[in-house]
PDB file of N, CA and C in Angstrom:
ATOM      1  N   MET A   1       0.757  -1.159   0.043  1.00  0.00           N
ATOM      2  CA  MET A   1       0.009   0.167   0.085  1.00  0.00           C
ATOM      3  C   MET A   1       0.856   1.187   0.007  1.00  0.00           C
ATOM      4  N   PRO A   2       0.836   1.911  -1.182  1.00  0.00           N
ATOM      5  CA  PRO A   2       1.754   3.231  -1.217  1.00  0.00           C
ATOM      6  C   PRO A   2       1.056   4.348  -0.289  1.00  0.00           C
ATOM      7  N   MET A   3       2.005   5.347   0.266  1.00  0.00           N
ATOM      8  CA  MET A   3       1.752   6.334   0.852  1.00  0.00           C
ATOM      9  C   MET A   3       2.567   7.446   0.582  1.00  0.00           C
ATOM     10  N   GLY A   4       2.053   8.692   0.531  1.00  0.00           N
ATOM     11  CA  GLY A   4       3.055   9.965   0.371  1.00  0.00           C
ATOM     12  C   GLY A   4       2.761  10.873  -0.851  1.00  0.00           C
ATOM     13  N   ASN A   5       3.651  11.708  -0.992  1.00  0.00           N
ATOM     14  CA  ASN A   5       3.338  12.605  -2.090  1.00  0.00           C
ATOM     15  C   ASN A   5       4.332  12.266  -3.247  1.00  0.00           C
ATOM     16  N   PHE A   6       3.856  11.861  -4.320  1.00  0.00           N
ATOM     17  CA  PHE A   6       4.729  11.180  -5.230  1.00  0.00           C
ATOM     18  C   PHE A   6       4.168  11.089  -6.681  1.00  0.00           C
ATOM     19  N   GLN A   7       4.877  10.957  -7.638  1.00  0.00           N
ATOM     20  CA  GLN A   7       4.420  10.447  -8.787  1.00  0.00           C
ATOM     21  C   GLN A   7       5.404   9.397  -9.390  1.00  0.00           C
ATOM     22  N   GLY A   8       4.706   8.145  -9.984  1.00  0.00           N
ATOM     23  CA  GLY A   8       5.434   7.090 -10.395  1.00  0.00           C
ATOM     24  C   GLY A   8       5.343   6.005  -9.253  1.00  0.00           C
ATOM     25  N   GLY A   9       6.441   5.240  -9.441  1.00  0.00           N
ATOM     26  CA  GLY A   9       6.738   4.232  -8.389  1.00  0.00           C
ATOM     27  C   GLY A   9       5.991   2.918  -8.574  1.00  0.00           C
ATOM     28  N   SER A  10       5.328   2.585  -9.779  1.00  0.00           N
ATOM     29  CA  SER A  10       4.427   1.501  -9.968  1.00  0.00           C
ATOM     30  C   SER A  10       5.152   0.304  -9.446  1.00  0.00           C
ATOM     31  N   LEU A  11       4.202  -0.825  -9.117  1.00  0.00           N
ATOM     32  CA  LEU A  11       4.639  -1.989  -8.703  1.00  0.00           C
ATOM     33  C   LEU A  11       4.750  -2.916  -9.783  1.00  0.00           C
ATOM     34  N   ALA A  12       5.857  -3.580 -10.107  1.00  0.00           N
ATOM     35  CA  ALA A  12       6.159  -4.285 -11.237  1.00  0.00           C
ATOM     36  C   ALA A  12       6.195  -5.778 -10.784  1.00  0.00           C
ATOM     37  N   LEU A  13       5.266  -6.798 -11.263  1.00  0.00           N
ATOM     38  CA  LEU A  13       5.301  -8.171 -11.100  1.00  0.00           C
ATOM     39  C   LEU A  13       5.763  -8.813 -12.242  1.00  0.00           C
ATOM     40  N   VAL A  14       7.191  -9.393 -12.060  1.00  0.00           N
ATOM     41  CA  VAL A  14       7.783  -9.945 -13.038  1.00  0.00           C
ATOM     42  C   VAL A  14       7.290 -11.165 -13.819  1.00  0.00           C
ATOM     43  N   GLU A  15       6.875 -12.268 -13.142  1.00  0.00           N
ATOM     44  CA  GLU A  15       6.543 -13.390 -14.011  1.00  0.00           C
ATOM     45  C   GLU A  15       5.204 -13.205 -14.689  1.00  0.00           C
ATOM     46  N   PRO A  16       4.203 -12.690 -14.088  1.00  0.00           N
ATOM     47  CA  PRO A  16       2.956 -12.366 -14.793  1.00  0.00           C
ATOM     48  C   PRO A  16       2.941 -11.342 -15.794  1.00  0.00           C
ATOM     49  N   GLY A  17       4.006 -10.292 -15.915  1.00  0.00           N
ATOM     50  CA  GLY A  17       4.171  -9.431 -16.727  1.00  0.00           C
ATOM     51  C   GLY A  17       3.227  -8.424 -16.410  1.00  0.00           C
ATOM     52  N   LEU A  18       3.177  -7.976 -15.207  1.00  0.00           N
ATOM     53  CA  LEU A  18       2.111  -6.774 -14.672  1.00  0.00           C
ATOM     54  C   LEU A  18       2.877  -5.649 -14.140  1.00  0.00           C
ATOM     55  N   VAL A  19       2.402  -4.439 -14.541  1.00  0.00           N
ATOM     56  CA  VAL A  19       2.796  -3.102 -13.909  1.00  0.00           C
ATOM     57  C   VAL A  19       1.651  -2.547 -13.207  1.00  0.00           C
ATOM     58  N   LEU A  20       1.495  -2.247 -12.004  1.00  0.00           N
ATOM     59  CA  LEU A  20       0.248  -1.959 -11.448  1.00  0.00           C
ATOM     60  C   LEU A  20       0.634  -0.387 -10.721  1.00  0.00           C
ATOM     61  N   ASP A  21      -0.319   0.468 -11.271  1.00  0.00           N
ATOM     62  CA  ASP A  21      -0.310   1.651 -10.788  1.00  0.00           C
ATOM     63  C   ASP A  21      -0.970   2.151  -9.741  1.00  0.00           C
ATOM     64  N   LEU A  22      -0.696   1.677  -8.609  1.00  0.00           N
ATOM     65  CA  LEU A  22      -1.345   1.991  -7.136  1.00  0.00           C
ATOM     66  C   LEU A  22      -1.503   3.231  -6.846  1.00  0.00           C
ATOM     67  N   ARG A  23      -2.681   3.732  -6.160  1.00  0.00           N
ATOM     68  CA  ARG A  23      -2.564   5.016  -5.715  1.00  0.00           C
ATOM     69  C   ARG A  23      -2.802   4.804  -4.084  1.00  0.00           C
ATOM     70  N   GLN A  24      -2.697   6.065  -3.290  1.00  0.00           N
ATOM     71  CA  GLN A  24      -2.763   5.758  -1.831  1.00  0.00           C
ATOM     72  C   GLN A  24      -3.925   4.981  -1.432  1.00  0.00           C
ATOM     73  N   GLY A  25      -3.763   4.146  -0.617  1.00  0.00           N
ATOM     74  CA  GLY A  25      -4.822   3.485   0.097  1.00  0.00           C
ATOM     75  C   GLY A  25      -5.092   2.226  -0.733  1.00  0.00           C
ATOM     76  N   ASP A  26      -4.409   1.788  -1.998  1.00  0.00           N
ATOM     77  CA  ASP A  26      -4.909   0.780  -2.799  1.00  0.00           C
ATOM     78  C   ASP A  26      -3.819  -0.358  -2.175  1.00  0.00           C
ATOM     79  N   PHE A  27      -4.232  -1.525  -2.441  1.00  0.00           N
ATOM     80  CA  PHE A  27      -3.344  -2.434  -1.941  1.00  0.00           C
ATOM     81  C   PHE A  27      -3.222  -3.739  -2.866  1.00  0.00           C
ATOM     82  N   VAL A  28      -2.442  -4.720  -2.820  1.00  0.00           N
ATOM     83  CA  VAL A  28      -2.410  -5.939  -3.771  1.00  0.00           C
ATOM     84  C   VAL A  28      -2.008  -6.880  -2.681  1.00  0.00           C
ATOM     85  N   VAL A  29      -2.412  -8.176  -3.052  1.00  0.00           N
ATOM     86  CA  VAL A  29      -2.168  -9.448  -2.203  1.00  0.00           C
ATOM     87  C   VAL A  29      -1.421 -10.301  -3.273  1.00  0.00           C
ATOM     88  N   PHE A  30      -0.154 -10.691  -2.998  1.00  0.00           N
ATOM     89  CA  PHE A  30       0.381 -11.946  -3.869  1.00  0.00           C
ATOM     90  C   PHE A  30       1.503 -12.746  -3.262  1.00  0.00           C
ATOM     91  N   ARG A  31       1.841 -13.732  -3.435  1.00  0.00           N
ATOM     92  CA  ARG A  31       2.768 -14.435  -2.975  1.00  0.00           C
ATOM     93  C   ARG A  31       4.294 -14.020  -3.591  1.00  0.00           C
ATOM     94  N   SER A  32       4.808 -13.291  -2.548  1.00  0.00           N
ATOM     95  CA  SER A  32       6.029 -12.677  -3.000  1.00  0.00           C
ATOM     96  C   SER A  32       7.132 -13.477  -3.176  1.00  0.00           C
ATOM     97  N   TYR A  33       7.017 -14.767  -2.392  1.00  0.00           N
ATOM     98  CA  TYR A  33       8.170 -15.654  -2.781  1.00  0.00           C
ATOM     99  C   TYR A  33       8.002 -16.384  -4.042  1.00  0.00           C
ATOM    100  N   ASP A  34       6.997 -16.141  -4.775  1.00  0.00           N
ATOM    101  CA  ASP A  34       6.833 -16.793  -5.919  1.00  0.00           C
ATOM    102  C   ASP A  34       6.877 -15.680  -7.177  1.00  0.00           C
ATOM    103  N   ILE A  35       6.913 -14.523  -6.874  1.00  0.00           N
ATOM    104  CA  ILE A  35       6.798 -13.489  -7.992  1.00  0.00           C
ATOM    105  C   ILE A  35       7.935 -12.370  -7.690  1.00  0.00           C
ATOM    106  N   SER A  36       8.698 -12.227  -8.387  1.00  0.00           N
ATOM    107  CA  SER A  36       9.812 -11.369  -8.431  1.00  0.00           C
ATOM    108  C   SER A  36       9.268  -9.939  -8.643  1.00  0.00           C
ATOM    109  N   HIS A  37       9.511  -9.063  -7.887  1.00  0.00           N
ATOM    110  CA  HIS A  37       8.729  -7.721  -7.756  1.00  0.00           C
ATOM    111  C   HIS A  37       9.506  -6.509  -7.270  1.00  0.00           C
ATOM    112  N   PHE A  38       9.250  -5.356  -7.782  1.00  0.00           N
ATOM    113  CA  PHE A  38      10.033  -4.141  -7.466  1.00  0.00           C
ATOM    114  C   PHE A  38       9.120  -3.009  -7.757  1.00  0.00           C
ATOM    115  N   ASN A  39       9.494  -1.953  -7.340  1.00  0.00           N
ATOM    116  CA  ASN A  39       9.077  -0.563  -7.658  1.00  0.00           C
ATOM    117  C   ASN A  39       9.870   0.102  -8.711  1.00  0.00           C
ATOM    118  N   LEU A  40       8.973   0.727  -9.570  1.00  0.00           N
ATOM    119  CA  LEU A  40       9.744   1.589 -10.603  1.00  0.00           C
ATOM    120  C   LEU A  40       9.993   2.937 -10.006  1.00  0.00           C
ATOM    121  N   ASP A  41      10.915   3.883 -10.878  1.00  0.00           N
ATOM    122  CA  ASP A  41      11.266   5.125 -10.325  1.00  0.00           C
ATOM    123  C   ASP A  41      10.193   5.929 -10.094  1.00  0.00           C
ATOM    124  N   TYR A  42      10.322   6.727  -8.971  1.00  0.00           N
ATOM    125  CA  TYR A  42       9.302   7.686  -8.607  1.00  0.00           C
ATOM    126  C   TYR A  42       9.909   9.118  -8.391  1.00  0.00           C
ATOM    127  N   ILE A  43       9.244  10.271  -8.250  1.00  0.00           N
ATOM    128  CA  ILE A  43       9.636  11.607  -7.862  1.00  0.00           C
ATOM    129  C   ILE A  43       8.656  11.924  -6.736  1.00  0.00           C
ATOM    130  N   GLY A  44       9.567  12.303  -5.479  1.00  0.00           N
ATOM    131  CA  GLY A  44       8.704  12.660  -4.487  1.00  0.00           C
ATOM    132  C   GLY A  44       8.897  11.986  -3.338  1.00  0.00           C
ATOM    133  N   HIS A  45       8.003  11.851  -2.256  1.00  0.00           N
ATOM    134  CA  HIS A  45       8.426  11.229  -1.015  1.00  0.00           C
ATOM    135  C   HIS A  45       7.416  10.052  -1.119  1.00  0.00           C
ATOM    136  N   ARG A  46       7.896   8.866  -0.981  1.00  0.00           N
ATOM    137  CA  ARG A  46       7.086   7.758  -1.084  1.00  0.00           C
ATOM    138  C   ARG A  46       7.243   6.438   0.051  1.00  0.00           C
ATOM    139  N   ALA A  47       6.532   5.798   0.537  1.00  0.00           N
ATOM    140  CA  ALA A  47       6.760   4.802   1.373  1.00  0.00           C
ATOM    141  C   ALA A  47       5.557   3.696   1.194  1.00  0.00           C
ATOM    142  N   SER A  48       5.981   2.551   1.296  1.00  0.00           N
ATOM    143  CA  SER A  48       4.940   1.395   1.381  1.00  0.00           C
ATOM    144  C   SER A  48       4.907   0.660   2.656  1.00  0.00           C
ATOM    145  N   LEU A  49       3.725   0.188   2.862  1.00  0.00           N
ATOM    146  CA  LEU A  49       3.154  -0.603   3.864  1.00  0.00           C
ATOM    147  C   LEU A  49       3.349  -2.078   3.563  1.00  0.00           C
ATOM    148  N   VAL A  50       4.106  -2.951   3.938  1.00  0.00           N
ATOM    149  CA  VAL A  50       4.277  -4.254   3.479  1.00  0.00           C
ATOM    150  C   VAL A  50       4.034  -5.284   4.506  1.00  0.00           C
ATOM    151  N   LEU A  51       3.274  -6.397   4.257  1.00  0.00           N
ATOM    152  CA  LEU A  51       2.854  -7.179   5.460  1.00  0.00           C
ATOM    153  C   LEU A  51       3.396  -8.484   5.194  1.00  0.00           C
ATOM    154  N   HIS A  52       3.898  -9.255   6.045  1.00  0.00           N
ATOM    155  CA  HIS A  52       4.434 -10.673   5.732  1.00  0.00           C
ATOM    156  C   HIS A  52       3.778 -11.746   6.670  1.00  0.00           C
ATOM    157  N   SER A  53       3.948 -12.912   6.248  1.00  0.00           N
ATOM    158  CA  SER A  53       3.741 -13.891   7.485  1.00  0.00           C
ATOM    159  C   SER A  53       4.962 -14.375   8.242  1.00  0.00           C
ATOM    160  N   ASP A  54       4.681 -14.903   9.127  1.00  0.00           N
ATOM    161  CA  ASP A  54       5.877 -15.458  10.091  1.00  0.00           C
ATOM    162  C   ASP A  54       6.771 -16.500   9.198  1.00  0.00           C
ATOM    163  N   GLN A  55       6.050 -17.149   8.372  1.00  0.00           N
ATOM    164  CA  GLN A  55       6.737 -18.183   7.445  1.00  0.00           C
ATOM    165  C   GLN A  55       7.519 -17.366   6.473  1.00  0.00           C
ATOM    166  N   GLY A  56       7.026 -16.312   6.006  1.00  0.00           N
ATOM    167  CA  GLY A  56       7.986 -15.443   5.167  1.00  0.00           C
ATOM    168  C   GLY A  56       9.226 -14.990   5.824  1.00  0.00           C
ATOM    169  N   MET A  57       8.797 -14.554   7.034  1.00  0.00           N
ATOM    170  CA  MET A  57      10.317 -13.804   7.545  1.00  0.00           C
ATOM    171  C   MET A  57      11.298 -15.150   8.026  1.00  0.00           C
ATOM    172  N   GLU A  58      10.769 -16.251   8.347  1.00  0.00           N
ATOM    173  CA  GLU A  58      11.654 -17.280   8.398  1.00  0.00           C
ATOM    174  C   GLU A  58      12.633 -17.868   7.297  1.00  0.00           C
ATOM    175  N   THR A  59      11.647 -17.713   6.027  1.00  0.00           N
ATOM    176  CA  THR A  59      12.598 -17.805   4.783  1.00  0.00           C
ATOM    177  C   THR A  59      13.487 -16.739   4.537  1.00  0.00           C
ATOM    178  N   TRP A  60      12.910 -15.393   4.818  1.00  0.00           N
ATOM    179  CA  TRP A  60      13.891 -14.184   4.629  1.00  0.00           C
ATOM    180  C   TRP A  60      15.084 -14.679   5.436  1.00  0.00           C
ATOM    181  N   LYS A  61      15.130 -14.865   6.800  1.00  0.00           N
ATOM    182  CA  LYS A  61      16.147 -15.058   7.612  1.00  0.00           C
ATOM    183  C   LYS A  61      17.254 -16.177   7.145  1.00  0.00           C
ATOM    184  N   ARG A  62      16.669 -17.127   6.112  1.00  0.00           N
ATOM    185  CA  ARG A  62      17.598 -18.309   5.837  1.00  0.00           C
ATOM    186  C   ARG A  62      18.358 -17.653   4.691  1.00  0.00           C
ATOM    187  N   SER A  63      17.605 -16.960   3.696  1.00  0.00           N
ATOM    188  CA  SER A  63      18.311 -16.774   2.426  1.00  0.00           C
ATOM    189  C   SER A  63      18.097 -15.538   1.887  1.00  0.00           C
ATOM    190  N   GLN A  64      17.433 -14.533   2.757  1.00  0.00           N
ATOM    191  CA  GLN A  64      17.203 -13.273   2.103  1.00  0.00           C
ATOM    192  C   GLN A  64      16.668 -13.248   0.824  1.00  0.00           C
ATOM    193  N   ASN A  65      15.885 -14.421   0.565  1.00  0.00           N
ATOM    194  CA  ASN A  65      15.109 -14.342  -0.886  1.00  0.00           C
ATOM    195  C   ASN A  65      16.143 -14.415  -2.065  1.00  0.00           C
ATOM    196  N   HIS A  66      17.255 -14.819  -1.811  1.00  0.00           N
ATOM    197  CA  HIS A  66      18.288 -14.734  -2.749  1.00  0.00           C
ATOM    198  C   HIS A  66      18.910 -13.366  -3.302  1.00  0.00           C
ATOM    199  N   TRP A  67      18.657 -12.371  -2.234  1.00  0.00           N
ATOM    200  CA  TRP A  67      19.298 -10.920  -2.390  1.00  0.00           C
ATOM    201  C   TRP A  67      20.359 -10.678  -1.585  1.00  0.00           C
ATOM    202  N   GLY A  68      20.881 -11.809  -0.934  1.00  0.00           N
ATOM    203  CA  GLY A  68      21.984 -11.523   0.120  1.00  0.00           C
ATOM    204  C   GLY A  68      23.283 -10.765  -0.586  1.00  0.00           C
ATOM    205  N   HIS A  69      23.553 -11.245  -1.823  1.00  0.00           N
ATOM    206  CA  HIS A  69      24.569 -10.790  -2.665  1.00  0.00           C
ATOM    207  C   HIS A  69      24.396  -9.364  -3.053  1.00  0.00           C
ATOM    208  N   ASN A  70      23.423  -8.755  -2.870  1.00  0.00           N
ATOM    209  CA  ASN A  70      23.073  -7.139  -3.483  1.00  0.00           C
ATOM    210  C   ASN A  70      23.752  -6.164  -2.465  1.00  0.00           C
ATOM    211  N   ILE A  71      24.728  -5.261  -3.013  1.00  0.00           N
ATOM    212  CA  ILE A  71      25.273  -4.332  -2.294  1.00  0.00           C
ATOM    213  C   ILE A  71      24.519  -3.479  -1.590  1.00  0.00           C
ATOM    214  N   TYR A  72      23.482  -3.153  -1.927  1.00  0.00           N
ATOM    215  CA  TYR A  72      22.282  -2.184  -1.217  1.00  0.00           C
ATOM    216  C   TYR A  72      21.705  -2.964  -0.347  1.00  0.00           C
ATOM    217  N   LEU A  73      21.793  -4.075   0.163  1.00  0.00           N
ATOM    218  CA  LEU A  73      21.076  -4.770   1.183  1.00  0.00           C
ATOM    219  C   LEU A  73      22.130  -5.056   2.126  1.00  0.00           C
ATOM    220  N   ARG A  74      21.746  -4.850   3.406  1.00  0.00           N
ATOM    221  CA  ARG A  74      22.712  -5.117   4.562  1.00  0.00           C
ATOM    222  C   ARG A  74      21.596  -5.702   5.549  1.00  0.00           C
ATOM    223  N   TYR A  75      22.023  -7.191   5.682  1.00  0.00           N
ATOM    224  CA  TYR A  75      21.027  -7.995   6.432  1.00  0.00           C
ATOM    225  C   TYR A  75      21.568  -8.340   7.770  1.00  0.00           C
ATOM    226  N   LEU A  76      21.123  -7.881   8.841  1.00  0.00           N
ATOM    227  CA  LEU A  76      22.002  -8.174  10.213  1.00  0.00           C
ATOM    228  C   LEU A  76      21.395  -9.430  10.780  1.00  0.00           C
ATOM    229  N   GLN A  77      22.146 -10.382  11.050  1.00  0.00           N
ATOM    230  CA  GLN A  77      21.879 -11.746  11.578  1.00  0.00           C
ATOM    231  C   GLN A  77      22.182 -11.600  13.089  1.00  0.00           C
ATOM    232  N   GLU A  78      21.066 -12.402  13.882  1.00  0.00           N
ATOM    233  CA  GLU A  78      21.255 -12.055  15.390  1.00  0.00           C
ATOM    234  C   GLU A  78      22.502 -12.532  15.660  1.00  0.00           C
ATOM    235  N   GLU A  79      23.307 -13.647  15.234  1.00  0.00           N
ATOM    236  CA  GLU A  79      24.352 -14.124  15.631  1.00  0.00           C
ATOM    237  C   GLU A  79      25.590 -12.879  15.547  1.00  0.00           C
ATOM    238  N   ASP A  80      25.528 -11.986  14.541  1.00  0.00           N
ATOM    239  CA  ASP A  80      26.746 -11.374  14.500  1.00  0.00           C
ATOM    240  C   ASP A  80      26.949 -10.135  15.339  1.00  0.00           C
ATOM    241  N   GLY A  81      25.893  -9.916  16.184  1.00  0.00           N
ATOM    242  CA  GLY A  81      25.847  -8.644  16.982  1.00  0.00           C
ATOM    243  C   GLY A  81      25.894  -7.456  16.325  1.00  0.00           C
ATOM    244  N   SER A  82      25.859  -7.278  15.176  1.00  0.00           N
ATOM    245  CA  SER A  82      25.802  -5.907  14.706  1.00  0.00           C
ATOM    246  C   SER A  82      24.644  -5.310  14.423  1.00  0.00           C
TER     247      SER A  82
END
């Protein structure tokens, strides 16, 4: 669910080939572990409310959904103390 004063930032769902122009208050439900997704560029101030299940978080903790190699993602594991 997008929030803020912005233009752009559409939600792209790769495998189904969809680009969704969501407005403030709109929401979409999908299995994020099955569908690669990202937001397109935007202008202004934008935030997103993202909900997930406990199972989804456990999967993230194990593999970072295969994004652990990304230089822009810093995942802090409980054991590393940082």
